Protein backbone atom coordinates (compact mmCIF):
# COMPACT_ATOMS: atom_id res chain seq x y z
CA MET A 1 162.00 37.03 82.65
CA ASN A 2 162.48 37.00 86.45
CA ILE A 3 165.18 39.65 87.01
CA PHE A 4 166.39 37.77 90.04
CA GLN A 5 167.38 34.85 87.81
CA GLN A 6 169.70 36.80 85.63
CA THR A 7 172.75 35.42 87.41
CA LYS A 8 173.68 33.10 90.15
CA PRO A 9 174.49 33.97 92.90
CA TYR A 10 172.36 37.09 92.74
CA ILE A 11 173.87 39.45 95.33
CA ILE A 12 172.07 42.31 96.88
CA ALA A 13 174.02 44.76 99.21
CA GLY A 14 173.65 48.19 100.78
CA PRO A 15 172.95 49.83 104.05
CA CYS A 16 170.39 48.73 106.57
CA GLY A 17 169.02 52.24 106.53
CA ILE A 18 169.82 55.20 104.20
CA GLU A 19 171.13 57.83 106.62
CA ASP A 20 172.37 60.54 104.36
CA GLU A 21 173.26 61.22 100.70
CA GLU A 22 177.02 60.84 101.25
CA GLN A 23 176.68 57.49 102.93
CA TRP A 24 174.45 56.15 100.19
CA GLN A 25 176.70 57.40 97.38
CA THR A 26 179.83 56.01 98.99
CA VAL A 27 178.30 52.56 99.18
CA ALA A 28 176.94 52.75 95.60
CA GLU A 29 180.37 53.72 94.19
CA SER A 30 182.05 50.85 96.13
CA LEU A 31 179.53 48.20 94.85
CA LEU A 32 180.10 49.07 91.27
CA ALA A 33 183.41 47.20 91.18
CA MET A 34 181.99 44.10 92.76
CA PRO A 35 179.75 41.17 91.52
CA VAL A 36 176.70 42.86 92.99
CA GLN A 37 173.38 42.75 91.07
CA MET A 38 171.18 45.04 93.12
CA MET A 39 171.58 47.64 95.81
CA ARG A 40 169.33 47.74 98.81
CA GLY A 41 168.54 50.53 101.23
CA GLY A 42 166.03 51.06 104.03
CA VAL A 43 163.95 54.21 103.29
CA TRP A 44 161.33 53.58 105.96
CA LYS A 45 162.55 51.62 108.94
CA PRO A 46 159.86 49.95 111.10
CA ARG A 47 161.52 49.69 114.48
CA SER A 48 160.26 47.45 117.41
CA LYS A 49 160.09 50.57 119.61
CA PRO A 50 159.58 54.23 118.87
CA GLY A 51 162.34 56.75 119.43
CA HIS A 52 164.91 54.99 117.35
CA PHE A 53 166.07 55.74 113.70
CA GLU A 54 163.12 55.19 111.38
CA GLY A 55 164.59 56.16 108.07
CA ARG A 56 164.66 59.35 106.01
CA GLY A 57 161.49 58.57 103.96
CA GLU A 58 161.01 60.44 100.71
CA SER A 59 164.37 62.26 101.14
CA ALA A 60 166.17 58.98 100.87
CA LEU A 61 164.18 58.14 97.67
CA GLN A 62 165.54 61.44 96.20
CA TRP A 63 169.05 60.34 96.95
CA ILE A 64 168.30 56.89 95.40
CA GLN A 65 167.03 58.58 92.21
CA THR A 66 170.18 60.60 91.93
CA THR A 67 172.21 57.41 92.22
CA MET A 68 170.11 55.62 89.66
CA LEU A 69 170.75 58.43 87.22
CA ARG A 70 174.52 58.29 87.87
CA PHE A 71 174.80 54.48 87.86
CA PRO A 72 171.94 53.07 85.80
CA GLN A 73 173.68 49.65 85.70
CA LEU A 74 173.09 49.24 89.49
CA PRO A 75 169.32 48.48 90.17
CA VAL A 76 167.87 49.46 93.55
CA CYS A 77 165.38 47.92 95.94
CA VAL A 78 163.57 49.40 99.02
CA GLU A 79 161.17 47.99 101.65
CA VAL A 80 157.57 48.94 101.40
CA ALA A 81 155.02 48.31 104.24
CA ASN A 82 151.76 49.59 102.71
CA SER A 83 150.08 50.99 99.60
CA GLU A 84 151.04 54.57 100.32
CA GLN A 85 154.71 53.65 100.49
CA VAL A 86 154.32 51.69 97.23
CA GLU A 87 152.91 54.71 95.52
CA ILE A 88 155.80 56.88 96.68
CA ALA A 89 158.43 54.39 95.88
CA LEU A 90 157.03 53.93 92.34
CA ARG A 91 157.07 57.59 91.81
CA TYR A 92 160.86 57.44 92.10
CA GLN A 93 161.04 54.50 89.78
CA VAL A 94 162.77 51.97 92.00
CA ASP A 95 163.56 48.58 90.33
CA ALA A 96 162.18 46.35 93.11
CA VAL A 97 160.69 46.31 96.46
CA TRP A 98 160.89 43.92 99.40
CA ILE A 99 158.16 43.00 101.91
CA GLY A 100 159.49 42.82 105.43
CA ALA A 101 158.98 39.97 107.86
CA ARG A 102 156.62 42.02 109.94
CA SER A 103 154.42 42.65 106.81
CA THR A 104 154.51 39.11 105.58
CA VAL A 105 152.61 37.95 108.73
CA ASN A 106 149.56 39.97 107.71
CA PRO A 107 147.67 38.66 104.61
CA PHE A 108 145.49 41.76 104.55
CA LEU A 109 148.56 43.98 104.27
CA VAL A 110 150.26 41.77 101.77
CA GLN A 111 147.18 41.89 99.56
CA GLU A 112 146.98 45.64 99.85
CA ILE A 113 150.67 45.94 98.70
CA ALA A 114 150.10 43.31 95.95
CA ASP A 115 147.08 45.31 94.59
CA ALA A 116 149.23 48.50 94.66
CA LEU A 117 152.00 46.90 92.65
CA GLN A 118 149.77 45.30 90.05
CA GLY A 119 151.01 46.41 86.59
CA SER A 120 154.07 48.29 87.88
CA GLY A 121 156.62 45.95 86.36
CA VAL A 122 158.91 46.09 89.40
CA GLY A 123 160.41 43.10 91.02
CA VAL A 124 159.10 41.87 94.51
CA LEU A 125 161.25 40.13 97.16
CA VAL A 126 159.14 38.47 99.89
CA LYS A 127 160.89 37.91 103.34
CA ASN A 128 159.70 35.06 105.44
CA PRO A 129 157.39 35.97 108.31
CA ILE A 130 158.88 36.38 111.66
CA ASN A 131 157.47 33.07 112.90
CA PRO A 132 158.22 29.81 111.16
CA ASP A 133 154.99 29.51 109.22
CA ILE A 134 155.62 28.37 105.71
CA GLU A 135 151.85 28.86 104.77
CA LEU A 136 152.13 32.56 105.42
CA TRP A 137 155.18 32.79 103.43
CA SER A 138 153.90 30.69 100.51
CA GLY A 139 150.63 32.47 100.53
CA ALA A 140 152.26 35.99 100.26
CA ILE A 141 154.21 34.86 97.27
CA GLU A 142 151.07 33.59 95.65
CA ARG A 143 149.27 36.88 96.25
CA PHE A 144 151.82 38.61 94.27
CA ALA A 145 151.86 36.05 91.54
CA ASN A 146 148.10 36.37 91.34
CA ARG A 147 148.55 40.00 90.47
CA GLY A 148 150.56 39.24 87.45
CA ILE A 149 153.97 40.14 88.95
CA GLU A 150 156.63 38.19 87.07
CA SER A 151 159.86 38.92 88.98
CA ILE A 152 159.35 37.48 92.42
CA ALA A 153 162.01 35.98 94.83
CA ALA A 154 161.77 34.82 98.41
CA ILE A 155 164.22 36.09 101.08
CA HIS A 156 165.14 33.83 103.84
CA ARG A 157 165.97 36.06 106.91
CA GLY A 158 165.50 33.52 109.67
CA PHE A 159 162.87 33.11 112.33
CA SER A 160 162.38 34.79 115.76
CA SER A 161 162.92 32.67 118.76
CA TYR A 162 162.69 32.94 122.51
CA ASP A 163 165.96 30.84 122.73
CA THR A 164 168.32 33.36 124.29
CA GLY A 165 171.18 30.81 123.98
CA SER A 166 171.09 30.84 120.20
CA LYS A 167 174.11 32.41 118.52
CA TYR A 168 171.88 33.67 115.74
CA ARG A 169 169.66 36.82 115.83
CA ASN A 170 167.03 34.86 113.87
CA LYS A 171 167.29 31.05 113.74
CA PRO A 172 167.84 29.86 110.01
CA ILE A 173 165.70 26.68 110.25
CA TRP A 174 166.87 25.72 106.79
CA ALA A 175 164.19 23.04 106.25
CA ILE A 176 161.50 25.80 105.78
CA PRO A 177 163.09 27.64 102.78
CA ILE A 178 164.03 24.26 101.29
CA GLU A 179 160.37 23.15 101.49
CA LEU A 180 159.38 26.54 100.06
CA LYS A 181 161.63 25.86 97.03
CA ARG A 182 159.91 22.40 96.58
CA ARG A 183 156.54 23.97 96.54
CA HIS A 184 157.39 26.73 94.22
CA ALA A 185 159.57 25.36 91.42
CA GLY A 186 161.86 27.82 89.89
CA LEU A 187 161.35 30.46 92.62
CA PRO A 188 164.65 32.14 93.43
CA ILE A 189 165.45 32.14 97.10
CA ILE A 190 167.92 34.73 98.41
CA CYS A 191 169.48 34.28 101.97
CA ASP A 192 169.54 37.55 104.11
CA VAL A 193 172.63 36.51 106.03
CA SER A 194 172.66 39.86 107.88
CA HIS A 195 169.31 39.33 109.63
CA ILE A 196 169.97 35.70 110.38
CA CYS A 197 173.33 36.38 112.03
CA GLY A 198 172.85 39.71 113.73
CA ASN A 199 176.67 39.50 114.14
CA ARG A 200 179.22 40.19 111.27
CA GLU A 201 181.45 37.49 112.65
CA LEU A 202 178.91 34.80 111.61
CA LEU A 203 178.17 36.23 108.09
CA PHE A 204 180.63 34.12 106.02
CA SER A 205 179.63 30.75 107.55
CA VAL A 206 175.99 31.32 106.99
CA ALA A 207 176.60 32.68 103.47
CA GLN A 208 178.63 29.59 102.67
CA ARG A 209 175.88 27.35 104.03
CA ALA A 210 173.32 29.03 101.76
CA MET A 211 175.66 28.50 98.79
CA ASP A 212 176.13 24.84 99.76
CA LEU A 213 172.22 24.45 99.89
CA ASP A 214 172.04 25.89 96.37
CA PHE A 215 170.32 29.24 97.37
CA ASP A 216 170.12 31.57 94.45
CA GLY A 217 171.73 34.57 96.09
CA LEU A 218 172.60 36.64 99.18
CA MET A 219 171.48 39.78 100.81
CA ILE A 220 174.19 41.48 102.83
CA GLU A 221 174.03 44.78 104.69
CA THR A 222 176.90 47.08 103.78
CA HIS A 223 177.89 50.44 105.43
CA PRO A 224 180.90 52.70 105.12
CA ASN A 225 181.28 52.76 108.90
CA PRO A 226 179.33 49.98 110.40
CA ASP A 227 180.01 50.72 114.00
CA LYS A 228 178.44 54.22 113.66
CA ALA A 229 175.42 52.91 111.76
CA LEU A 230 172.06 54.27 113.01
CA SER A 231 170.45 50.79 112.89
CA ASP A 232 171.71 47.24 113.09
CA ALA A 233 175.33 48.19 113.54
CA LYS A 234 176.63 44.85 114.62
CA GLN A 235 175.45 42.99 111.45
CA GLN A 236 176.69 45.37 108.81
CA ILE A 237 180.13 45.27 107.11
CA THR A 238 182.19 47.68 105.05
CA PRO A 239 182.30 47.36 101.28
CA GLN A 240 185.88 46.05 101.57
CA GLN A 241 184.74 43.37 103.97
CA LEU A 242 182.01 42.54 101.54
CA SER A 243 184.37 42.10 98.79
CA GLU A 244 186.57 39.77 100.78
CA LEU A 245 183.50 37.71 101.82
CA LEU A 246 182.37 37.26 98.29
CA GLY A 247 185.84 36.39 97.18
CA LYS A 248 186.11 33.58 99.71
CA LEU A 249 182.81 31.89 98.91
CA THR A 250 182.97 28.45 97.31
CA LEU A 251 180.25 28.29 94.73
CA ARG A 252 178.70 24.93 93.77
CA HIS A 253 178.55 24.91 89.96
CA GLY A 254 178.61 21.11 89.53
CA LYS A 255 175.63 19.51 87.95
CA ALA A 256 173.86 16.25 88.75
CA SER A 257 174.56 15.07 85.11
CA ASP A 258 178.31 15.29 85.91
CA ALA A 259 178.08 12.18 88.19
CA SER A 260 174.56 10.98 87.19
CA GLY A 261 175.43 7.22 87.22
CA GLU A 262 176.86 7.28 90.83
CA ILE A 263 174.22 9.56 92.15
CA GLU A 264 171.39 7.40 90.79
CA GLU A 265 172.92 4.25 92.18
CA MET A 266 173.32 5.77 95.58
CA ARG A 267 169.65 7.16 95.43
CA GLN A 268 168.35 3.74 94.71
CA ILE A 269 170.16 2.37 97.76
CA LEU A 270 168.91 5.24 99.88
CA ASP A 271 165.29 4.69 98.56
CA SER A 272 165.63 1.02 99.62
CA MET A 273 166.83 1.94 103.08
CA ASP A 274 164.04 4.53 103.47
CA ALA A 275 161.52 1.88 102.57
CA GLU A 276 162.92 -0.37 105.31
CA ILE A 277 162.85 2.46 107.79
CA VAL A 278 159.19 3.26 107.06
CA GLU A 279 158.25 -0.43 107.29
CA LEU A 280 159.95 -0.79 110.62
CA ILE A 281 158.17 2.35 112.02
CA GLY A 282 154.92 0.86 110.75
CA LYS A 283 155.61 -2.37 112.67
CA ARG A 284 156.68 -0.34 115.71
CA MET A 285 153.31 1.51 115.65
CA ASP A 286 151.48 -1.77 115.55
CA LEU A 287 153.14 -2.70 118.82
CA VAL A 288 152.37 0.76 120.24
CA LYS A 289 148.68 0.07 119.59
CA GLN A 290 148.84 -3.22 121.35
CA LEU A 291 150.65 -1.44 124.23
CA GLY A 292 147.95 1.11 124.35
CA GLU A 293 145.22 -1.51 124.72
CA ILE A 294 147.15 -3.24 127.59
CA LYS A 295 147.58 0.11 129.40
CA ALA A 296 143.88 0.95 129.00
CA ALA A 297 142.84 -2.50 130.19
CA ASN A 298 144.97 -2.21 133.26
CA ASN A 299 144.13 1.44 134.07
CA MET A 300 147.73 2.52 133.56
CA PRO A 301 148.94 6.03 132.70
CA ILE A 302 149.83 6.41 129.06
CA TYR A 303 152.84 8.73 129.51
CA GLN A 304 155.52 7.40 131.81
CA ILE A 305 158.47 9.79 132.32
CA GLU A 306 160.97 6.99 133.39
CA ARG A 307 160.32 5.18 130.29
CA TRP A 308 160.95 8.29 128.16
CA ARG A 309 164.31 8.93 130.01
CA GLU A 310 165.28 5.26 129.27
CA ILE A 311 164.49 5.80 125.65
CA VAL A 312 166.57 8.97 125.39
CA GLU A 313 169.56 7.47 127.20
CA THR A 314 169.64 4.15 125.32
CA ARG A 315 168.97 5.70 121.85
CA VAL A 316 171.54 8.40 122.24
CA GLN A 317 174.06 5.64 123.17
CA TRP A 318 173.12 3.61 120.17
CA GLY A 319 173.44 6.74 118.07
CA ALA A 320 176.98 7.44 119.36
CA SER A 321 178.04 4.03 118.41
CA ASN A 322 176.96 4.83 114.77
CA GLN A 323 178.43 8.34 114.71
CA LEU A 324 175.02 10.01 115.00
CA ASP A 325 174.73 13.30 116.93
CA ALA A 326 172.86 13.21 120.22
CA VAL A 327 170.67 16.17 119.46
CA PHE A 328 169.53 14.58 116.11
CA VAL A 329 168.79 11.19 117.80
CA THR A 330 166.85 12.89 120.62
CA LYS A 331 164.76 14.90 118.10
CA LEU A 332 164.13 11.81 116.06
CA PHE A 333 162.89 9.82 118.92
CA GLN A 334 160.91 12.74 120.31
CA LEU A 335 158.86 12.67 117.09
CA ILE A 336 158.37 8.85 117.35
CA HIS A 337 157.50 9.04 121.03
CA ASP A 338 154.99 11.89 120.59
CA LYS A 339 153.29 9.95 117.81
CA SER A 340 153.19 6.86 120.06
CA ILE A 341 151.55 8.72 122.94
CA GLN A 342 149.08 10.32 120.50
CA THR A 343 148.20 6.87 119.17
CA GLN A 344 147.77 5.39 122.72
CA ILE A 345 145.52 8.30 123.77
CA GLU A 346 143.40 7.74 120.66
CA ILE A 347 142.97 4.11 121.53
CA LEU A 348 142.01 4.98 125.12
CA HIS A 349 139.33 7.51 123.95
CA GLY A 350 138.12 4.92 121.49
CA LEU A 351 137.57 2.33 124.27
CA ILE A 352 135.88 4.90 126.48
CA ARG A 353 133.42 5.75 123.72
CA GLU A 354 132.74 2.04 123.26
CA GLY A 355 132.14 1.79 126.98
CA LYS A 356 134.88 -0.67 127.61
């Protein structure tokens, strides 16, 4: 059985980095009284730049082993980034390992770790890659599954972005983990709210969003004194704050069968509407093709900025009259417009090849 499916939500908590034995033991003792299924702790801490706290290495694993002997009911997971670290972690009998975002981007490294874990019986948590590439994420999961590892879960920790105006440390882009769930039926997905937020003030709202989207669990970094943490201080919370956060969450336990009749009726209506939308887009593209032929015949530029500005302005106004957000409407018509331009370019190139 997949250990990450034993309960829902599956909560993983613990410090970003294990700094000393007292810190680790303090957190462990606090978590025992909470609905926490697994403890996490950074043993090796890959930092973006050298000179920062990079973990205590094998010393931290010795502290972990002591805790596991004292509290066998509290499993522990650590991050590993190569086969050597896997070997050391297994020596201390950790219950699970996680693969960090920087490791997931490298299929060679993922394969090395998967090979080293084969036959170990430990659970594996795979974080999404730093860039929004679902193929890398999905491929990493498949590599571990191909090595016979039964307990696998994905961790959604958000995606790096150059958008300095974002309130998140890593943008959630919820559509990607949702698509991963569709591709891998039954795969537990745990939301690492700490790394998405980068700010403890945002943790609850993101955690609740994950629960509303039916994620299987949460990973939340917890430290006895977050402001004095040696790494990621701003996103960590105290055990007391963790308890309060978990207590405030609204869990969605309702099943589709509880309102199956109403849901099915509404889905049929939505299906009908979607069919009409697709048909209209198809008819629109037919007109776009005709427009492309006219532009080519009259030697006109395909992309016309004033026309695009007009589209955005009018469609946003139409959206507002139907209670649709301006950002959503703009993104929708950006997709449609991009496809229209691409179609007209293909028509122009076709006519050129034909010598017309």
